[in-house]
Each structure stands twice: as structure tokens, then as C-alpha cells.
Amino acid sequence: MNEKEKKELPKLARKAIEGFLKGEKVSYEKSKEKKGVFITLTKKGELRGCIGTLEPEEIHKAVVEKAIGAAFYDPRFEPVTEDELKDIQIEVSLLTKPEKCEIKDIKKGDGVIIKYGYQTATFLPQVWEDLKTKEEFMGHLCMKAGLEKDFWKTGKLKVQKYKAEKIKE
């Protein structure tokens, strides 16, 4: 994807949300490229919804589906209303393929996936903006997965890292 095409992704996400509110289906061109995609919605700087996939999917389809998911199906939030849509900022994150790593290899700016049995969680690289240290980042990630805060210190986690290209409106 070239830069111009990437800049269209947040617009496509907004069209998908607006269309869903009106009961209309959004049409889009099929992308040849596949990537993991996350859509993050914020309102006045606060998280308002975030849904995505780590698995590579056709980008335009994933943007439409994940935008609708973030706006209307994130279980942490009430569905977005038409009135508040004007106050919502949309960010599209295109992910690189996750690679196995050790916790010692994780650096600020990495997206991280942890797994222990059936428990799994991920934080996008943007989370480092709020959780400044590796200890804080990993502790919150463990809690997100339903594990004890210090579980990351046990050496029992399977860990992967990835990068994300953020495209904001």
C-alpha cells in the first residue's frame, strides 16, 4: 500500500461506522495486501473502543469490520451514538507479523502478545504512552490475560512482539 492509500483507511473506518448507524452497507475496494489490523477510537483523548485482529486479513475488509466492532461491539463500552461520532478520533494500526521473543527482548514501542495455556492478551505499541516501564506494561498485560500481575516474571509465558504503523485521521 502506498501512503495515499494508507491515509484513506481512517476515512473508510469512519464511513463504515456512519453506514452502520444508518443501516447501510459500506462498499470498498479489495486490497491485495493482508495484515493484522486494529481500530482504536478515542474521545477527548480517552479510549472509546478498540477491536482488531493479530492474524493477517485483507486490509480494507478488516478495517470495515473492526471499525464496526470497535464502535458497537467492544464489551467495555456502550455503542457509539450518532451524536458523539463527531467527537471521536479514529486510528488504524497495521501490524507486522508477530515474532517469538523473550521478555528481555521487549522494548518500548513493541506490541506484545502473551500466552499461557488458554489465557492470552495483547497490547498495541501505543499502550507504552500510558504504561511507561516494562514492569508496568507487562504487569497490566498479565492482568488483561487474567493472570497475576507479576506472572510475567515466572518465565512460563509464550511471548511474541510486533510493530504497528499508526494511521490517524
C-alpha atoms as a PDB file:
ATOM      1  CA  MET A   1       0.000   0.000   0.000  1.00  0.00           C
ATOM      2  CA  ASN A   2       1.257   3.436  -0.804  1.00  0.00           C
ATOM      3  CA  GLU A   3       0.959   6.420   1.561  1.00  0.00           C
ATOM      4  CA  LYS A   4      -2.103   7.829  -0.207  1.00  0.00           C
ATOM      5  CA  GLU A   5      -3.938   4.504   0.137  1.00  0.00           C
ATOM      6  CA  LYS A   6      -2.985   4.264   3.809  1.00  0.00           C
ATOM      7  CA  LYS A   7      -4.363   7.752   4.509  1.00  0.00           C
ATOM      8  CA  GLU A   8      -7.731   6.595   3.171  1.00  0.00           C
ATOM      9  CA  LEU A   9      -8.056   3.838   5.800  1.00  0.00           C
ATOM     10  CA  PRO A  10      -9.322   6.027   8.696  1.00  0.00           C
ATOM     11  CA  LYS A  11     -11.831   7.581   6.268  1.00  0.00           C
ATOM     12  CA  LEU A  12     -13.030   4.091   5.322  1.00  0.00           C
ATOM     13  CA  ALA A  13     -13.376   3.236   9.023  1.00  0.00           C
ATOM     14  CA  ARG A  14     -15.487   6.364   9.619  1.00  0.00           C
ATOM     15  CA  LYS A  15     -17.666   5.563   6.578  1.00  0.00           C
ATOM     16  CA  ALA A  16     -18.213   2.056   7.954  1.00  0.00           C
ATOM     17  CA  ILE A  17     -19.331   3.416  11.346  1.00  0.00           C
ATOM     18  CA  GLU A  18     -21.587   6.055   9.752  1.00  0.00           C
ATOM     19  CA  GLY A  19     -23.058   3.460   7.403  1.00  0.00           C
ATOM     20  CA  PHE A  20     -23.746   1.069  10.278  1.00  0.00           C
ATOM     21  CA  LEU A  21     -25.582   3.823  12.169  1.00  0.00           C
ATOM     22  CA  LYS A  22     -27.774   4.387   9.085  1.00  0.00           C
ATOM     23  CA  GLY A  23     -28.272   0.693   8.380  1.00  0.00           C
ATOM     24  CA  GLU A  24     -26.247   0.916   5.161  1.00  0.00           C
ATOM     25  CA  LYS A  25     -23.543  -1.423   3.969  1.00  0.00           C
ATOM     26  CA  VAL A  26     -20.213   0.156   3.022  1.00  0.00           C
ATOM     27  CA  SER A  27     -18.568  -0.842  -0.228  1.00  0.00           C
ATOM     28  CA  TYR A  28     -14.792  -0.883  -0.553  1.00  0.00           C
ATOM     29  CA  GLU A  29     -12.089  -1.990  -2.943  1.00  0.00           C
ATOM     30  CA  LYS A  30     -10.400  -5.237  -2.142  1.00  0.00           C
ATOM     31  CA  SER A  31      -6.791  -4.891  -1.058  1.00  0.00           C
ATOM     32  CA  LYS A  32      -4.166  -7.345  -2.273  1.00  0.00           C
ATOM     33  CA  GLU A  33      -2.289  -6.939   0.986  1.00  0.00           C
ATOM     34  CA  LYS A  34      -3.078  -8.757   4.228  1.00  0.00           C
ATOM     35  CA  LYS A  35      -2.092  -7.561   7.684  1.00  0.00           C
ATOM     36  CA  GLY A  36      -3.226  -7.641  11.264  1.00  0.00           C
ATOM     37  CA  VAL A  37      -5.479  -4.608  11.785  1.00  0.00           C
ATOM     38  CA  PHE A  38      -6.675  -2.786  14.889  1.00  0.00           C
ATOM     39  CA  ILE A  39      -9.095   0.129  15.008  1.00  0.00           C
ATOM     40  CA  THR A  40      -8.804   2.402  18.033  1.00  0.00           C
ATOM     41  CA  LEU A  41     -11.456   5.004  18.817  1.00  0.00           C
ATOM     42  CA  THR A  42     -10.765   7.838  21.242  1.00  0.00           C
ATOM     43  CA  LYS A  43     -12.961  10.627  22.532  1.00  0.00           C
ATOM     44  CA  LYS A  44     -11.299  13.639  24.161  1.00  0.00           C
ATOM     45  CA  GLY A  45      -8.101  11.620  24.468  1.00  0.00           C
ATOM     46  CA  GLU A  46      -9.787   8.696  26.256  1.00  0.00           C
ATOM     47  CA  LEU A  47     -10.207   5.205  24.830  1.00  0.00           C
ATOM     48  CA  ARG A  48     -13.718   4.726  23.413  1.00  0.00           C
ATOM     49  CA  GLY A  49     -13.295   1.355  21.696  1.00  0.00           C
ATOM     50  CA  CYS A  50     -10.618  -0.894  20.264  1.00  0.00           C
ATOM     51  CA  ILE A  51     -11.076  -4.076  18.249  1.00  0.00           C
ATOM     52  CA  GLY A  52      -8.713  -5.846  15.919  1.00  0.00           C
ATOM     53  CA  THR A  53      -7.060  -8.983  14.709  1.00  0.00           C
ATOM     54  CA  LEU A  54      -3.487 -10.181  15.007  1.00  0.00           C
ATOM     55  CA  GLU A  55      -3.979 -12.562  12.101  1.00  0.00           C
ATOM     56  CA  PRO A  56      -3.349 -11.169   8.617  1.00  0.00           C
ATOM     57  CA  GLU A  57      -6.614 -10.297   6.867  1.00  0.00           C
ATOM     58  CA  GLU A  58      -7.459  -8.395   3.709  1.00  0.00           C
ATOM     59  CA  ILE A  59      -6.865  -4.819   4.881  1.00  0.00           C
ATOM     60  CA  HIS A  60      -9.966  -2.982   3.614  1.00  0.00           C
ATOM     61  CA  LYS A  61     -12.344  -5.709   4.781  1.00  0.00           C
ATOM     62  CA  ALA A  62     -10.643  -5.810   8.182  1.00  0.00           C
ATOM     63  CA  VAL A  63     -10.828  -2.008   8.551  1.00  0.00           C
ATOM     64  CA  VAL A  64     -14.582  -2.036   7.902  1.00  0.00           C
ATOM     65  CA  GLU A  65     -15.274  -4.989  10.201  1.00  0.00           C
ATOM     66  CA  LYS A  66     -13.014  -3.838  13.040  1.00  0.00           C
ATOM     67  CA  ALA A  67     -14.313  -0.240  12.888  1.00  0.00           C
ATOM     68  CA  ILE A  68     -17.859  -1.519  13.353  1.00  0.00           C
ATOM     69  CA  GLY A  69     -16.624  -3.806  16.117  1.00  0.00           C
ATOM     70  CA  ALA A  70     -14.778  -1.014  17.945  1.00  0.00           C
ATOM     71  CA  ALA A  71     -17.744   1.362  17.693  1.00  0.00           C
ATOM     72  CA  PHE A  72     -20.556  -1.026  18.530  1.00  0.00           C
ATOM     73  CA  TYR A  73     -19.291  -4.318  19.969  1.00  0.00           C
ATOM     74  CA  ASP A  74     -16.387  -3.565  22.313  1.00  0.00           C
ATOM     75  CA  PRO A  75     -17.813  -5.040  25.540  1.00  0.00           C
ATOM     76  CA  ARG A  76     -16.088  -2.385  27.656  1.00  0.00           C
ATOM     77  CA  PHE A  77     -18.197   0.433  26.195  1.00  0.00           C
ATOM     78  CA  GLU A  78     -21.730   1.357  25.219  1.00  0.00           C
ATOM     79  CA  PRO A  79     -22.259   1.528  21.424  1.00  0.00           C
ATOM     80  CA  VAL A  80     -21.223   4.787  19.765  1.00  0.00           C
ATOM     81  CA  THR A  81     -24.130   7.121  19.073  1.00  0.00           C
ATOM     82  CA  GLU A  82     -24.618   9.320  16.038  1.00  0.00           C
ATOM     83  CA  ASP A  83     -24.362  12.442  18.223  1.00  0.00           C
ATOM     84  CA  GLU A  84     -20.940  11.557  19.628  1.00  0.00           C
ATOM     85  CA  LEU A  85     -19.376  10.387  16.358  1.00  0.00           C
ATOM     86  CA  LYS A  86     -18.179  13.917  15.556  1.00  0.00           C
ATOM     87  CA  ASP A  87     -16.093  13.879  18.770  1.00  0.00           C
ATOM     88  CA  ILE A  88     -14.434  10.531  18.053  1.00  0.00           C
ATOM     89  CA  GLN A  89     -10.980  10.204  16.533  1.00  0.00           C
ATOM     90  CA  ILE A  90     -10.126   7.072  14.569  1.00  0.00           C
ATOM     91  CA  GLU A  91      -6.735   5.413  14.395  1.00  0.00           C
ATOM     92  CA  VAL A  92      -5.914   2.432  12.182  1.00  0.00           C
ATOM     93  CA  SER A  93      -2.975   0.242  13.181  1.00  0.00           C
ATOM     94  CA  LEU A  94      -1.409  -2.047  10.569  1.00  0.00           C
ATOM     95  CA  LEU A  95       0.619  -4.760  12.280  1.00  0.00           C
ATOM     96  CA  THR A  96       3.748  -6.593  11.263  1.00  0.00           C
ATOM     97  CA  LYS A  97       3.764 -10.368  11.604  1.00  0.00           C
ATOM     98  CA  PRO A  98       4.336 -11.310  15.278  1.00  0.00           C
ATOM     99  CA  GLU A  99       7.660 -12.972  16.039  1.00  0.00           C
ATOM    100  CA  LYS A 100       8.606 -15.139  19.010  1.00  0.00           C
ATOM    101  CA  CYS A 101      10.835 -13.477  21.552  1.00  0.00           C
ATOM    102  CA  GLU A 102      11.942 -13.485  25.164  1.00  0.00           C
ATOM    103  CA  ILE A 103      10.712 -10.908  27.655  1.00  0.00           C
ATOM    104  CA  LYS A 104      14.241  -9.477  27.827  1.00  0.00           C
ATOM    105  CA  ASP A 105      13.936  -8.647  24.078  1.00  0.00           C
ATOM    106  CA  ILE A 106      10.835  -6.465  24.534  1.00  0.00           C
ATOM    107  CA  LYS A 107      11.487  -2.766  24.122  1.00  0.00           C
ATOM    108  CA  LYS A 108       9.387   0.350  24.420  1.00  0.00           C
ATOM    109  CA  GLY A 109       7.410   0.677  21.190  1.00  0.00           C
ATOM    110  CA  ASP A 110       6.829  -3.052  20.693  1.00  0.00           C
ATOM    111  CA  GLY A 111       3.373  -4.553  20.542  1.00  0.00           C
ATOM    112  CA  VAL A 112       3.335  -7.663  22.733  1.00  0.00           C
ATOM    113  CA  ILE A 113       1.285 -10.860  22.787  1.00  0.00           C
ATOM    114  CA  ILE A 114       1.417 -13.181  25.799  1.00  0.00           C
ATOM    115  CA  LYS A 115       0.020 -16.690  26.091  1.00  0.00           C
ATOM    116  CA  TYR A 116      -0.246 -19.116  28.975  1.00  0.00           C
ATOM    117  CA  GLY A 117      -2.481 -22.099  28.314  1.00  0.00           C
ATOM    118  CA  TYR A 118      -5.782 -20.662  27.073  1.00  0.00           C
ATOM    119  CA  GLN A 119      -5.099 -17.231  28.541  1.00  0.00           C
ATOM    120  CA  THR A 120      -3.857 -14.675  26.056  1.00  0.00           C
ATOM    121  CA  ALA A 121      -3.664 -10.903  25.718  1.00  0.00           C
ATOM    122  CA  THR A 122      -2.036  -8.241  23.601  1.00  0.00           C
ATOM    123  CA  PHE A 123      -1.160  -4.593  23.942  1.00  0.00           C
ATOM    124  CA  LEU A 124      -0.574  -2.428  20.890  1.00  0.00           C
ATOM    125  CA  PRO A 125       2.629  -0.368  20.859  1.00  0.00           C
ATOM    126  CA  GLN A 126       0.544   2.739  21.688  1.00  0.00           C
ATOM    127  CA  VAL A 127      -0.025   1.402  25.217  1.00  0.00           C
ATOM    128  CA  TRP A 128       3.569   2.404  26.058  1.00  0.00           C
ATOM    129  CA  GLU A 129       2.312   6.024  26.009  1.00  0.00           C
ATOM    130  CA  ASP A 130       0.347   5.265  29.205  1.00  0.00           C
ATOM    131  CA  LEU A 131       2.428   2.485  30.767  1.00  0.00           C
ATOM    132  CA  LYS A 132       5.974   3.836  30.718  1.00  0.00           C
ATOM    133  CA  THR A 133       8.049   0.976  32.160  1.00  0.00           C
ATOM    134  CA  LYS A 134       8.398  -2.638  31.071  1.00  0.00           C
ATOM    135  CA  GLU A 135       7.327  -3.735  34.556  1.00  0.00           C
ATOM    136  CA  GLU A 136       4.137  -1.692  34.403  1.00  0.00           C
ATOM    137  CA  PHE A 137       3.443  -2.724  30.783  1.00  0.00           C
ATOM    138  CA  MET A 138       3.939  -6.449  31.426  1.00  0.00           C
ATOM    139  CA  GLY A 139       2.037  -6.350  34.726  1.00  0.00           C
ATOM    140  CA  HIS A 140      -1.042  -4.804  33.115  1.00  0.00           C
ATOM    141  CA  LEU A 141      -0.776  -7.172  30.158  1.00  0.00           C
ATOM    142  CA  CYS A 142      -0.759 -10.157  32.529  1.00  0.00           C
ATOM    143  CA  MET A 143      -3.826  -8.810  34.326  1.00  0.00           C
ATOM    144  CA  LYS A 144      -5.560  -8.312  30.970  1.00  0.00           C
ATOM    145  CA  ALA A 145      -4.944 -12.025  30.300  1.00  0.00           C
ATOM    146  CA  GLY A 146      -6.451 -12.909  33.699  1.00  0.00           C
ATOM    147  CA  LEU A 147      -3.090 -13.709  35.279  1.00  0.00           C
ATOM    148  CA  GLU A 148      -1.397 -12.367  38.389  1.00  0.00           C
ATOM    149  CA  LYS A 149       0.357  -9.032  37.838  1.00  0.00           C
ATOM    150  CA  ASP A 150       3.844 -10.500  38.370  1.00  0.00           C
ATOM    151  CA  PHE A 151       3.233 -13.694  36.371  1.00  0.00           C
ATOM    152  CA  TRP A 152       5.485 -12.421  33.579  1.00  0.00           C
ATOM    153  CA  LYS A 153       8.464 -12.892  35.922  1.00  0.00           C
ATOM    154  CA  THR A 154       7.900 -16.686  36.162  1.00  0.00           C
ATOM    155  CA  GLY A 155       9.301 -17.482  32.710  1.00  0.00           C
ATOM    156  CA  LYS A 156       6.182 -19.520  31.871  1.00  0.00           C
ATOM    157  CA  LEU A 157       4.714 -17.166  29.241  1.00  0.00           C
ATOM    158  CA  LYS A 158       4.951 -17.635  25.490  1.00  0.00           C
ATOM    159  CA  VAL A 159       5.776 -14.170  24.165  1.00  0.00           C
ATOM    160  CA  GLN A 160       5.639 -12.549  20.727  1.00  0.00           C
ATOM    161  CA  LYS A 161       6.300  -8.992  19.655  1.00  0.00           C
ATOM    162  CA  TYR A 162       5.283  -6.924  16.659  1.00  0.00           C
ATOM    163  CA  LYS A 163       5.337  -3.375  15.347  1.00  0.00           C
ATOM    164  CA  ALA A 164       2.371  -1.269  14.257  1.00  0.00           C
ATOM    165  CA  GLU A 165       2.084   1.526  11.753  1.00  0.00           C
ATOM    166  CA  LYS A 166      -0.430   4.033  13.104  1.00  0.00           C
ATOM    167  CA  ILE A 167      -2.599   5.984  10.672  1.00  0.00           C
ATOM    168  CA  LYS A 168      -4.683   8.702  12.300  1.00  0.00           C
ATOM    169  CA  GLU A 169      -7.449  10.809  10.829  1.00  0.00           C
END
